[in-house]
C-alpha atoms as a PDB file:
ATOM      1  CA  ASN A   1       0.000   0.000   0.000  1.00  0.00           C
ATOM      2  CA  MET A   2       0.997   3.636  -0.439  1.00  0.00           C
ATOM      3  CA  ARG A   3       1.492   4.334   3.286  1.00  0.00           C
ATOM      4  CA  GLY A   4       3.824   1.358   3.680  1.00  0.00           C
ATOM      5  CA  THR A   5       5.784   2.503   0.658  1.00  0.00           C
ATOM      6  CA  MET A   6       6.141   6.015   2.107  1.00  0.00           C
ATOM      7  CA  CYS A   7       7.293   4.673   5.482  1.00  0.00           C
ATOM      8  CA  LYS A   8       9.880   2.472   3.803  1.00  0.00           C
ATOM      9  CA  LYS A   9      10.996   5.405   1.687  1.00  0.00           C
ATOM     10  CA  HIS A  10      11.412   7.650   4.743  1.00  0.00           C
ATOM     11  CA  LEU A  11      13.340   4.956   6.590  1.00  0.00           C
ATOM     12  CA  LYS A  12      15.607   4.451   3.603  1.00  0.00           C
ATOM     13  CA  ILE A  13      16.233   8.200   3.300  1.00  0.00           C
ATOM     14  CA  ALA A  14      16.905   8.500   7.027  1.00  0.00           C
ATOM     15  CA  ARG A  15      19.317   5.567   6.867  1.00  0.00           C
ATOM     16  CA  LEU A  16      21.189   7.123   3.951  1.00  0.00           C
ATOM     17  CA  ILE A  17      21.395  10.477   5.687  1.00  0.00           C
ATOM     18  CA  LYS A  18      22.697   8.831   8.853  1.00  0.00           C
ATOM     19  CA  GLN A  19      25.367   7.037   6.864  1.00  0.00           C
ATOM     20  CA  LYS A  20      26.289  10.230   5.034  1.00  0.00           C
ATOM     21  CA  LYS A  21      26.540  12.296   8.191  1.00  0.00           C
ATOM     22  CA  ALA A  22      27.735   9.730  10.692  1.00  0.00           C
ATOM     23  CA  GLY A  23      30.009  12.262  12.359  1.00  0.00           C
ATOM     24  CA  GLY A  24      27.244  14.785  13.076  1.00  0.00           C
ATOM     25  CA  THR A  25      24.507  12.311  13.905  1.00  0.00           C
ATOM     26  CA  GLU A  26      25.515  11.814  17.530  1.00  0.00           C
ATOM     27  CA  LEU A  27      25.400  15.567  18.145  1.00  0.00           C
ATOM     28  CA  ILE A  28      21.859  15.696  16.755  1.00  0.00           C
ATOM     29  CA  PHE A  29      20.792  12.789  18.961  1.00  0.00           C
ATOM     30  CA  ASP A  30      22.270  14.605  21.973  1.00  0.00           C
ATOM     31  CA  GLU A  31      20.152  17.662  21.110  1.00  0.00           C
ATOM     32  CA  VAL A  32      17.021  15.538  20.749  1.00  0.00           C
ATOM     33  CA  ARG A  33      17.580  13.738  24.058  1.00  0.00           C
ATOM     34  CA  GLU A  34      17.148  17.117  25.787  1.00  0.00           C
ATOM     35  CA  PHE A  35      13.475  17.293  24.898  1.00  0.00           C
ATOM     36  CA  VAL A  36      12.174  13.917  23.677  1.00  0.00           C
ATOM     37  CA  PRO A  37      11.691  11.081  26.140  1.00  0.00           C
ATOM     38  CA  ASP A  38      12.891   7.586  25.285  1.00  0.00           C
ATOM     39  CA  ARG A  39       9.741   5.565  24.681  1.00  0.00           C
ATOM     40  CA  THR A  40      11.329   2.515  23.079  1.00  0.00           C
ATOM     41  CA  ASN A  41      10.340   0.391  26.065  1.00  0.00           C
ATOM     42  CA  GLY A  42       7.015   2.109  26.738  1.00  0.00           C
ATOM     43  CA  ASP A  43       3.624   0.711  25.964  1.00  0.00           C
ATOM     44  CA  LEU A  44       1.801   1.422  22.729  1.00  0.00           C
ATOM     45  CA  ALA A  45      -0.504   4.004  24.315  1.00  0.00           C
ATOM     46  CA  ASP A  46       2.494   6.039  25.514  1.00  0.00           C
ATOM     47  CA  GLN A  47       4.111   5.838  22.090  1.00  0.00           C
ATOM     48  CA  LEU A  48       0.908   6.937  20.354  1.00  0.00           C
ATOM     49  CA  HIS A  49       0.445   9.797  22.832  1.00  0.00           C
ATOM     50  CA  LEU A  50       4.002  10.977  22.141  1.00  0.00           C
ATOM     51  CA  GLN A  51       3.526  10.641  18.369  1.00  0.00           C
ATOM     52  CA  THR A  52       0.299  12.648  18.482  1.00  0.00           C
ATOM     53  CA  ALA A  53       1.928  15.336  20.619  1.00  0.00           C
ATOM     54  CA  ILE A  54       4.914  15.614  18.267  1.00  0.00           C
ATOM     55  CA  ASN A  55       2.668  15.915  15.212  1.00  0.00           C
ATOM     56  CA  SER A  56       0.479  18.508  16.917  1.00  0.00           C
ATOM     57  CA  PHE A  57       3.455  20.603  18.017  1.00  0.00           C
ATOM     58  CA  VAL A  58       5.219  20.505  14.661  1.00  0.00           C
ATOM     59  CA  GLY A  59       1.960  21.382  12.922  1.00  0.00           C
ATOM     60  CA  SER A  60       1.567  24.458  15.122  1.00  0.00           C
ATOM     61  CA  LEU A  61       4.934  25.950  14.134  1.00  0.00           C
ATOM     62  CA  SER A  62       5.370  28.718  11.587  1.00  0.00           C
ATOM     63  CA  LYS A  63       6.408  27.549   8.133  1.00  0.00           C
ATOM     64  CA  GLU A  64      10.043  28.670   8.554  1.00  0.00           C
ATOM     65  CA  THR A  65      10.441  27.288  12.076  1.00  0.00           C
ATOM     66  CA  ARG A  66       8.858  23.982  11.063  1.00  0.00           C
ATOM     67  CA  ALA A  67      11.149  23.710   8.042  1.00  0.00           C
ATOM     68  CA  VAL A  68      14.280  24.393  10.120  1.00  0.00           C
ATOM     69  CA  PHE A  69      13.193  22.040  12.924  1.00  0.00           C
ATOM     70  CA  VAL A  70      12.292  19.179  10.581  1.00  0.00           C
ATOM     71  CA  ARG A  71      15.440  19.610   8.504  1.00  0.00           C
ATOM     72  CA  ARG A  72      17.591  19.368  11.626  1.00  0.00           C
ATOM     73  CA  TYR A  73      15.833  16.617  13.559  1.00  0.00           C
ATOM     74  CA  TRP A  74      14.175  14.515  10.842  1.00  0.00           C
ATOM     75  CA  TYR A  75      16.609  14.845   7.960  1.00  0.00           C
ATOM     76  CA  MET A  76      19.637  15.475  10.210  1.00  0.00           C
ATOM     77  CA  SER A  77      20.887  18.369   8.126  1.00  0.00           C
ATOM     78  CA  GLU A  78      23.878  20.384   9.251  1.00  0.00           C
ATOM     79  CA  ILE A  79      23.180  23.853  10.656  1.00  0.00           C
ATOM     80  CA  GLY A  80      25.232  25.520   7.915  1.00  0.00           C
ATOM     81  CA  GLU A  81      23.327  23.642   5.234  1.00  0.00           C
ATOM     82  CA  ILE A  82      19.971  24.703   6.697  1.00  0.00           C
ATOM     83  CA  ALA A  83      21.139  28.311   6.970  1.00  0.00           C
ATOM     84  CA  ARG A  84      22.290  28.372   3.363  1.00  0.00           C
ATOM     85  CA  ASP A  85      19.087  26.798   2.037  1.00  0.00           C
ATOM     86  CA  TYR A  86      16.800  29.238   3.889  1.00  0.00           C
ATOM     87  CA  GLY A  87      18.911  32.398   3.595  1.00  0.00           C
ATOM     88  CA  LEU A  88      19.664  32.518   7.327  1.00  0.00           C
ATOM     89  CA  THR A  89      22.867  32.778   9.303  1.00  0.00           C
ATOM     90  CA  ASP A  90      24.154  29.833  11.321  1.00  0.00           C
ATOM     91  CA  GLY A  91      23.364  31.872  14.429  1.00  0.00           C
ATOM     92  CA  ASN A  92      19.762  32.420  13.316  1.00  0.00           C
ATOM     93  CA  VAL A  93      19.317  28.671  12.824  1.00  0.00           C
ATOM     94  CA  ARG A  94      20.827  27.887  16.240  1.00  0.00           C
ATOM     95  CA  VAL A  95      18.495  30.390  17.930  1.00  0.00           C
ATOM     96  CA  ILE A  96      15.432  29.033  16.105  1.00  0.00           C
ATOM     97  CA  LEU A  97      16.369  25.491  17.138  1.00  0.00           C
ATOM     98  CA  MET A  98      17.126  26.442  20.754  1.00  0.00           C
ATOM     99  CA  ARG A  99      13.839  28.328  21.170  1.00  0.00           C
ATOM    100  CA  THR A 100      11.856  25.608  19.432  1.00  0.00           C
ATOM    101  CA  ARG A 101      13.406  22.858  21.590  1.00  0.00           C
ATOM    102  CA  LYS A 102      12.476  24.850  24.698  1.00  0.00           C
ATOM    103  CA  LYS A 103       8.883  25.348  23.486  1.00  0.00           C
ATOM    104  CA  PHE A 104       8.672  21.686  22.500  1.00  0.00           C
ATOM    105  CA  LYS A 105       9.814  20.528  25.919  1.00  0.00           C
ATOM    106  CA  GLU A 106       7.258  22.812  27.582  1.00  0.00           C
ATOM    107  CA  TYR A 107       4.557  21.546  25.218  1.00  0.00           C
ATOM    108  CA  LEU A 108       5.319  17.906  25.954  1.00  0.00           C
ATOM    109  CA  GLU A 109       5.244  18.589  29.688  1.00  0.00           C
ATOM    110  CA  SER A 110       1.883  20.386  29.313  1.00  0.00           C
ATOM    111  CA  GLU A 111       0.605  17.235  27.588  1.00  0.00           C
ATOM    112  CA  GLY A 112       1.663  15.156  30.600  1.00  0.00           C
ATOM    113  CA  ILE A 113       4.665  13.622  28.871  1.00  0.00           C
ATOM    114  CA  GLU A 114       7.617  13.323  31.211  1.00  0.00           C
ATOM    115  CA  ILE A 115      11.012  14.178  29.788  1.00  0.00           C
END
């Protein structure tokens, strides 16, 4: 089905990006650990609650903030690459990411998700 194909495609892209940027991947995971709880051992309800909260939060962001956030934490793009693609400075991207991580953490906590 189409959804299964898209999921496989996203996983393949993510895998390729991880391989391409192996050096920077750990830094990105360190950033993510600040605001996303580890739910790998949680029950399905907890995982679905987290997934719904993530989707809701990302959907509430402005177009530019969403693009920067998704590029960094989904596609694992380098800060300089994001800055270049969106006509921002590296500093602008870092500030957007820092503020968005803070808001995301607060949002998750307001949804009853412990960090």
